[in-house]
Amino acid sequence: MDIIGIASFVVVFGAVARWFQLAWRVDLPEDPVVFRVLVAIGVILGLTSFASGTGSALAPWAIGLGLFYLYLSFTGPGASAAPPHTSRWAMRSRPSARPTTTTRPSTARASPGLAC
């Protein structure tokens, strides 16, 4: 049994599972560097295990899942220069995200020519 292959799967699966848990709650951090680094470490461990020949059945899963996550995180809509979303992480840095406008009642009147 290859401990490196198992460790690679645990690292990758743990990071990706936590990312999707935060995504489900719509509470993603603005910068996913920590998740990307953890997944990259897991992929490197998986490649090491796979190349050593001792092999674990979990190493290819860690490599595939990790590369899939890295592809999605680098090419997804969060990778563009779009303004940050209004999650809990983004709201901490801004004092107020709501506009301060008041609504007025409508002053429109029916035209006198249309009254019956």
N, C-alpha and C. Protein backbone atom coordinates (compact mmCIF):
# COMPACT_ATOMS: atom_id res chain seq x y z
N MET A 1 0.86 -1.18 0.00
CA MET A 1 0.00 0.00 0.00
C MET A 1 0.90 1.24 0.00
N ASP A 2 0.55 2.16 -0.85
CA ASP A 2 1.37 3.36 -1.04
C ASP A 2 0.79 4.52 -0.23
N ILE A 3 1.52 4.95 0.77
CA ILE A 3 1.06 6.03 1.65
C ILE A 3 1.04 7.37 0.93
N ILE A 4 1.93 7.57 -0.04
CA ILE A 4 1.97 8.85 -0.76
C ILE A 4 0.72 9.00 -1.63
N GLY A 5 0.30 7.93 -2.27
CA GLY A 5 -0.92 7.99 -3.09
C GLY A 5 -2.15 8.28 -2.26
N ILE A 6 -2.24 7.66 -1.10
CA ILE A 6 -3.38 7.91 -0.20
C ILE A 6 -3.34 9.34 0.31
N ALA A 7 -2.15 9.81 0.68
CA ALA A 7 -2.01 11.19 1.17
C ALA A 7 -2.38 12.19 0.09
N SER A 8 -1.99 11.91 -1.15
CA SER A 8 -2.33 12.83 -2.24
C SER A 8 -3.84 12.93 -2.42
N PHE A 9 -4.52 11.78 -2.34
CA PHE A 9 -5.98 11.80 -2.49
C PHE A 9 -6.64 12.53 -1.34
N VAL A 10 -6.16 12.32 -0.13
CA VAL A 10 -6.75 12.98 1.05
C VAL A 10 -6.58 14.49 0.95
N VAL A 11 -5.40 14.95 0.53
CA VAL A 11 -5.16 16.39 0.41
C VAL A 11 -6.04 17.00 -0.67
N VAL A 12 -6.06 16.38 -1.84
CA VAL A 12 -6.85 16.92 -2.96
C VAL A 12 -8.34 16.87 -2.63
N PHE A 13 -8.81 15.72 -2.17
CA PHE A 13 -10.24 15.59 -1.89
C PHE A 13 -10.68 16.52 -0.77
N GLY A 14 -9.85 16.68 0.26
CA GLY A 14 -10.20 17.59 1.35
C GLY A 14 -10.30 19.03 0.90
N ALA A 15 -9.35 19.48 0.09
CA ALA A 15 -9.37 20.88 -0.40
C ALA A 15 -10.55 21.11 -1.34
N VAL A 16 -10.78 20.18 -2.26
CA VAL A 16 -11.87 20.35 -3.22
C VAL A 16 -13.23 20.24 -2.53
N ALA A 17 -13.34 19.32 -1.56
CA ALA A 17 -14.61 19.19 -0.83
C ALA A 17 -14.92 20.46 -0.05
N ARG A 18 -13.90 21.05 0.58
CA ARG A 18 -14.13 22.31 1.32
C ARG A 18 -14.49 23.44 0.38
N TRP A 19 -13.86 23.49 -0.80
CA TRP A 19 -14.17 24.52 -1.79
C TRP A 19 -15.63 24.42 -2.23
N PHE A 20 -16.08 23.20 -2.54
CA PHE A 20 -17.46 23.04 -2.99
C PHE A 20 -18.46 23.25 -1.85
N GLN A 21 -18.04 22.98 -0.62
CA GLN A 21 -18.91 23.28 0.51
C GLN A 21 -19.11 24.80 0.63
N LEU A 22 -18.04 25.56 0.48
CA LEU A 22 -18.15 27.02 0.50
C LEU A 22 -18.93 27.54 -0.70
N ALA A 23 -18.76 26.91 -1.85
CA ALA A 23 -19.50 27.33 -3.04
C ALA A 23 -21.00 27.06 -2.86
N TRP A 24 -21.34 25.97 -2.22
CA TRP A 24 -22.75 25.65 -1.99
C TRP A 24 -23.40 26.69 -1.09
N ARG A 25 -22.64 27.20 -0.13
CA ARG A 25 -23.16 28.24 0.77
C ARG A 25 -22.98 29.64 0.21
N VAL A 26 -22.44 29.76 -0.99
CA VAL A 26 -22.14 31.03 -1.66
C VAL A 26 -21.30 31.90 -0.73
N ASP A 27 -20.21 31.34 -0.29
CA ASP A 27 -19.33 32.02 0.66
C ASP A 27 -17.87 31.81 0.25
N LEU A 28 -17.59 31.93 -1.04
CA LEU A 28 -16.24 31.69 -1.54
C LEU A 28 -15.33 32.86 -1.19
N PRO A 29 -14.07 32.56 -0.88
CA PRO A 29 -13.12 33.65 -0.67
C PRO A 29 -12.79 34.32 -1.99
N GLU A 30 -12.37 35.58 -1.92
CA GLU A 30 -12.04 36.31 -3.15
C GLU A 30 -10.84 35.72 -3.86
N ASP A 31 -9.88 35.22 -3.11
CA ASP A 31 -8.65 34.71 -3.70
C ASP A 31 -8.45 33.25 -3.28
N PRO A 32 -8.54 32.30 -4.22
CA PRO A 32 -8.45 30.88 -3.86
C PRO A 32 -7.03 30.34 -3.81
N VAL A 33 -6.05 31.14 -3.44
CA VAL A 33 -4.65 30.72 -3.48
C VAL A 33 -4.40 29.51 -2.57
N VAL A 34 -4.95 29.52 -1.38
CA VAL A 34 -4.72 28.42 -0.44
C VAL A 34 -5.23 27.11 -1.03
N PHE A 35 -6.42 27.14 -1.62
CA PHE A 35 -6.99 25.93 -2.21
C PHE A 35 -6.15 25.46 -3.40
N ARG A 36 -5.71 26.40 -4.23
CA ARG A 36 -4.90 26.04 -5.38
C ARG A 36 -3.57 25.42 -4.96
N VAL A 37 -2.95 25.97 -3.92
CA VAL A 37 -1.67 25.44 -3.45
C VAL A 37 -1.85 24.03 -2.87
N LEU A 38 -2.90 23.84 -2.07
CA LEU A 38 -3.14 22.51 -1.51
C LEU A 38 -3.40 21.48 -2.61
N VAL A 39 -4.20 21.85 -3.59
CA VAL A 39 -4.50 20.92 -4.68
C VAL A 39 -3.24 20.65 -5.50
N ALA A 40 -2.43 21.66 -5.75
CA ALA A 40 -1.19 21.46 -6.51
C ALA A 40 -0.24 20.53 -5.74
N ILE A 41 -0.16 20.68 -4.43
CA ILE A 41 0.67 19.77 -3.62
C ILE A 41 0.14 18.34 -3.73
N GLY A 42 -1.18 18.20 -3.67
CA GLY A 42 -1.77 16.87 -3.80
C GLY A 42 -1.52 16.25 -5.16
N VAL A 43 -1.58 17.06 -6.21
CA VAL A 43 -1.30 16.55 -7.57
C VAL A 43 0.16 16.13 -7.68
N ILE A 44 1.06 16.92 -7.12
CA ILE A 44 2.49 16.56 -7.16
C ILE A 44 2.74 15.26 -6.38
N LEU A 45 2.10 15.11 -5.23
CA LEU A 45 2.22 13.85 -4.48
C LEU A 45 1.66 12.68 -5.29
N GLY A 46 0.54 12.90 -5.95
CA GLY A 46 -0.05 11.84 -6.77
C GLY A 46 0.84 11.46 -7.94
N LEU A 47 1.44 12.45 -8.59
CA LEU A 47 2.35 12.16 -9.70
C LEU A 47 3.59 11.41 -9.19
N THR A 48 4.08 11.79 -8.02
CA THR A 48 5.22 11.10 -7.42
C THR A 48 4.88 9.64 -7.14
N SER A 49 3.72 9.41 -6.58
CA SER A 49 3.28 8.05 -6.28
C SER A 49 3.08 7.25 -7.56
N PHE A 50 2.49 7.86 -8.55
CA PHE A 50 2.21 7.18 -9.81
C PHE A 50 3.50 6.85 -10.55
N ALA A 51 4.47 7.77 -10.52
CA ALA A 51 5.74 7.57 -11.23
C ALA A 51 6.65 6.57 -10.52
N SER A 52 6.49 6.42 -9.21
CA SER A 52 7.36 5.50 -8.46
C SER A 52 7.06 4.05 -8.78
N GLY A 53 5.89 3.77 -9.27
CA GLY A 53 5.55 2.41 -9.65
C GLY A 53 4.93 1.58 -8.55
N THR A 54 5.04 2.03 -7.31
CA THR A 54 4.42 1.27 -6.23
C THR A 54 2.91 1.35 -6.35
N GLY A 55 2.45 2.51 -6.73
CA GLY A 55 1.07 2.73 -7.14
C GLY A 55 0.01 2.48 -6.09
N SER A 56 -0.88 3.37 -6.03
CA SER A 56 -2.10 3.25 -5.25
C SER A 56 -3.24 3.54 -6.20
N ALA A 57 -4.36 2.94 -5.97
CA ALA A 57 -5.52 3.18 -6.83
C ALA A 57 -6.04 4.60 -6.65
N LEU A 58 -5.66 5.26 -5.57
CA LEU A 58 -6.14 6.62 -5.30
C LEU A 58 -5.30 7.69 -5.96
N ALA A 59 -4.06 7.39 -6.34
CA ALA A 59 -3.19 8.40 -6.95
C ALA A 59 -3.74 8.92 -8.27
N PRO A 60 -4.20 8.06 -9.20
CA PRO A 60 -4.78 8.62 -10.43
C PRO A 60 -6.04 9.45 -10.18
N TRP A 61 -6.82 9.07 -9.17
CA TRP A 61 -8.00 9.87 -8.82
C TRP A 61 -7.60 11.24 -8.29
N ALA A 62 -6.56 11.28 -7.49
CA ALA A 62 -6.07 12.56 -6.96
C ALA A 62 -5.55 13.43 -8.09
N ILE A 63 -4.83 12.84 -9.03
CA ILE A 63 -4.29 13.60 -10.16
C ILE A 63 -5.44 14.14 -11.02
N GLY A 64 -6.39 13.29 -11.34
CA GLY A 64 -7.51 13.72 -12.19
C GLY A 64 -8.38 14.78 -11.53
N LEU A 65 -8.75 14.54 -10.28
CA LEU A 65 -9.59 15.51 -9.56
C LEU A 65 -8.85 16.83 -9.36
N GLY A 66 -7.57 16.74 -9.03
CA GLY A 66 -6.78 17.96 -8.81
C GLY A 66 -6.61 18.78 -10.07
N LEU A 67 -6.29 18.12 -11.18
CA LEU A 67 -6.14 18.86 -12.45
C LEU A 67 -7.47 19.45 -12.91
N PHE A 68 -8.55 18.71 -12.68
CA PHE A 68 -9.87 19.23 -13.05
C PHE A 68 -10.21 20.48 -12.23
N TYR A 69 -9.94 20.44 -10.92
CA TYR A 69 -10.20 21.62 -10.09
C TYR A 69 -9.32 22.79 -10.51
N LEU A 70 -8.03 22.53 -10.74
CA LEU A 70 -7.13 23.62 -11.14
C LEU A 70 -7.57 24.23 -12.47
N TYR A 71 -7.99 23.40 -13.41
CA TYR A 71 -8.50 23.93 -14.68
C TYR A 71 -9.71 24.82 -14.45
N LEU A 72 -10.65 24.34 -13.65
CA LEU A 72 -11.86 25.14 -13.40
C LEU A 72 -11.54 26.44 -12.65
N SER A 73 -10.64 26.38 -11.70
CA SER A 73 -10.36 27.58 -10.91
C SER A 73 -9.58 28.63 -11.69
N PHE A 74 -8.77 28.20 -12.66
CA PHE A 74 -8.01 29.17 -13.44
C PHE A 74 -8.78 29.69 -14.65
N THR A 75 -9.80 28.99 -15.09
CA THR A 75 -10.55 29.42 -16.28
C THR A 75 -11.97 29.85 -15.97
N GLY A 76 -12.41 29.73 -14.75
CA GLY A 76 -13.78 30.06 -14.39
C GLY A 76 -14.04 31.56 -14.34
N PRO A 77 -15.29 31.94 -14.08
CA PRO A 77 -15.63 33.37 -14.05
C PRO A 77 -14.93 34.12 -12.92
N GLY A 78 -14.51 33.47 -11.89
CA GLY A 78 -13.80 34.13 -10.80
C GLY A 78 -12.38 34.50 -11.18
N ALA A 79 -11.87 33.94 -12.28
CA ALA A 79 -10.50 34.22 -12.70
C ALA A 79 -10.40 35.50 -13.51
N SER A 80 -11.52 36.06 -13.93
CA SER A 80 -11.50 37.28 -14.74
C SER A 80 -11.35 38.51 -13.85
N ALA A 81 -11.29 39.66 -14.47
CA ALA A 81 -11.14 40.91 -13.73
C ALA A 81 -12.50 41.51 -13.38
N ALA A 82 -13.49 40.67 -13.22
CA ALA A 82 -14.83 41.14 -12.86
C ALA A 82 -14.82 41.64 -11.42
N PRO A 83 -15.76 42.52 -11.07
CA PRO A 83 -15.82 42.99 -9.69
C PRO A 83 -16.12 41.83 -8.76
N PRO A 84 -15.65 41.90 -7.51
CA PRO A 84 -15.87 40.80 -6.59
C PRO A 84 -17.35 40.61 -6.27
N HIS A 85 -17.71 39.39 -6.01
CA HIS A 85 -19.10 39.10 -5.66
C HIS A 85 -19.37 39.59 -4.23
N THR A 86 -20.61 39.60 -3.86
CA THR A 86 -20.97 40.14 -2.56
C THR A 86 -21.10 39.01 -1.54
N SER A 87 -20.04 38.31 -1.30
CA SER A 87 -20.05 37.27 -0.27
C SER A 87 -19.64 37.88 1.06
N ARG A 88 -19.59 37.05 2.04
CA ARG A 88 -19.19 37.50 3.37
C ARG A 88 -17.76 38.04 3.33
N TRP A 89 -16.90 37.44 2.51
CA TRP A 89 -15.51 37.87 2.42
C TRP A 89 -15.40 39.24 1.77
N ALA A 90 -16.19 39.48 0.73
CA ALA A 90 -16.13 40.76 0.03
C ALA A 90 -16.76 41.87 0.85
N MET A 91 -17.77 41.56 1.64
CA MET A 91 -18.47 42.58 2.41
C MET A 91 -17.63 43.12 3.56
N ARG A 92 -16.64 42.37 3.99
CA ARG A 92 -15.81 42.84 5.10
C ARG A 92 -14.97 44.05 4.73
N SER A 93 -14.57 44.12 3.45
CA SER A 93 -13.67 45.20 3.06
C SER A 93 -14.40 46.46 2.62
N ARG A 94 -15.70 46.36 2.39
CA ARG A 94 -16.46 47.53 1.96
C ARG A 94 -17.40 47.97 3.07
N PRO A 95 -17.53 49.27 3.29
CA PRO A 95 -18.41 49.72 4.37
C PRO A 95 -19.88 49.46 4.09
N SER A 96 -20.34 49.70 2.88
CA SER A 96 -21.74 49.49 2.57
C SER A 96 -21.90 49.16 1.10
N ALA A 97 -22.66 48.14 0.83
CA ALA A 97 -22.87 47.74 -0.55
C ALA A 97 -24.24 48.20 -1.05
N ARG A 98 -25.08 48.69 -0.16
CA ARG A 98 -26.42 49.12 -0.57
C ARG A 98 -26.43 50.59 -0.96
N PRO A 99 -27.14 50.92 -2.03
CA PRO A 99 -27.24 52.33 -2.39
C PRO A 99 -28.11 53.08 -1.38
N THR A 100 -27.84 54.33 -1.21
CA THR A 100 -28.59 55.14 -0.24
C THR A 100 -29.54 56.07 -0.98
N THR A 101 -30.51 55.49 -1.64
CA THR A 101 -31.51 56.30 -2.35
C THR A 101 -32.86 56.11 -1.67
N THR A 102 -33.70 57.11 -1.81
CA THR A 102 -35.05 56.99 -1.27
C THR A 102 -36.02 56.91 -2.43
N THR A 103 -37.13 56.27 -2.20
CA THR A 103 -38.13 56.15 -3.26
C THR A 103 -39.21 57.19 -3.01
N ARG A 104 -39.71 57.73 -4.09
CA ARG A 104 -40.78 58.72 -4.01
C ARG A 104 -42.04 58.14 -4.64
N PRO A 105 -43.18 58.57 -4.18
CA PRO A 105 -44.41 58.10 -4.82
C PRO A 105 -44.51 58.68 -6.23
N SER A 106 -45.17 57.97 -7.07
CA SER A 106 -45.30 58.40 -8.46
C SER A 106 -46.20 59.63 -8.55
N THR A 107 -45.81 60.60 -9.37
CA THR A 107 -46.60 61.82 -9.56
C THR A 107 -47.25 61.85 -10.93
N ALA A 108 -47.27 60.72 -11.61
CA ALA A 108 -47.88 60.68 -12.95
C ALA A 108 -49.40 60.77 -12.82
N ARG A 109 -50.00 61.56 -13.71
CA ARG A 109 -51.46 61.72 -13.72
C ARG A 109 -51.98 61.33 -15.08
N ALA A 110 -53.20 60.94 -15.10
CA ALA A 110 -53.83 60.61 -16.38
C ALA A 110 -54.07 61.91 -17.15
N SER A 111 -53.94 61.84 -18.45
CA SER A 111 -54.16 63.05 -19.26
C SER A 111 -55.65 63.39 -19.27
N PRO A 112 -56.00 64.70 -19.30
CA PRO A 112 -57.40 65.10 -19.23
C PRO A 112 -58.22 64.67 -20.43
N GLY A 113 -57.58 64.44 -21.58
CA GLY A 113 -58.34 64.04 -22.77
C GLY A 113 -58.82 62.61 -22.73
N LEU A 114 -58.28 61.77 -21.85
CA LEU A 114 -58.65 60.36 -21.81
C LEU A 114 -59.69 60.07 -20.74
N ALA A 115 -60.09 61.06 -19.95
CA ALA A 115 -61.07 60.80 -18.89
C ALA A 115 -62.44 60.60 -19.50
N CYS A 116 -63.17 59.66 -19.00
CA CYS A 116 -64.51 59.35 -19.52
C CYS A 116 -65.59 59.85 -18.62
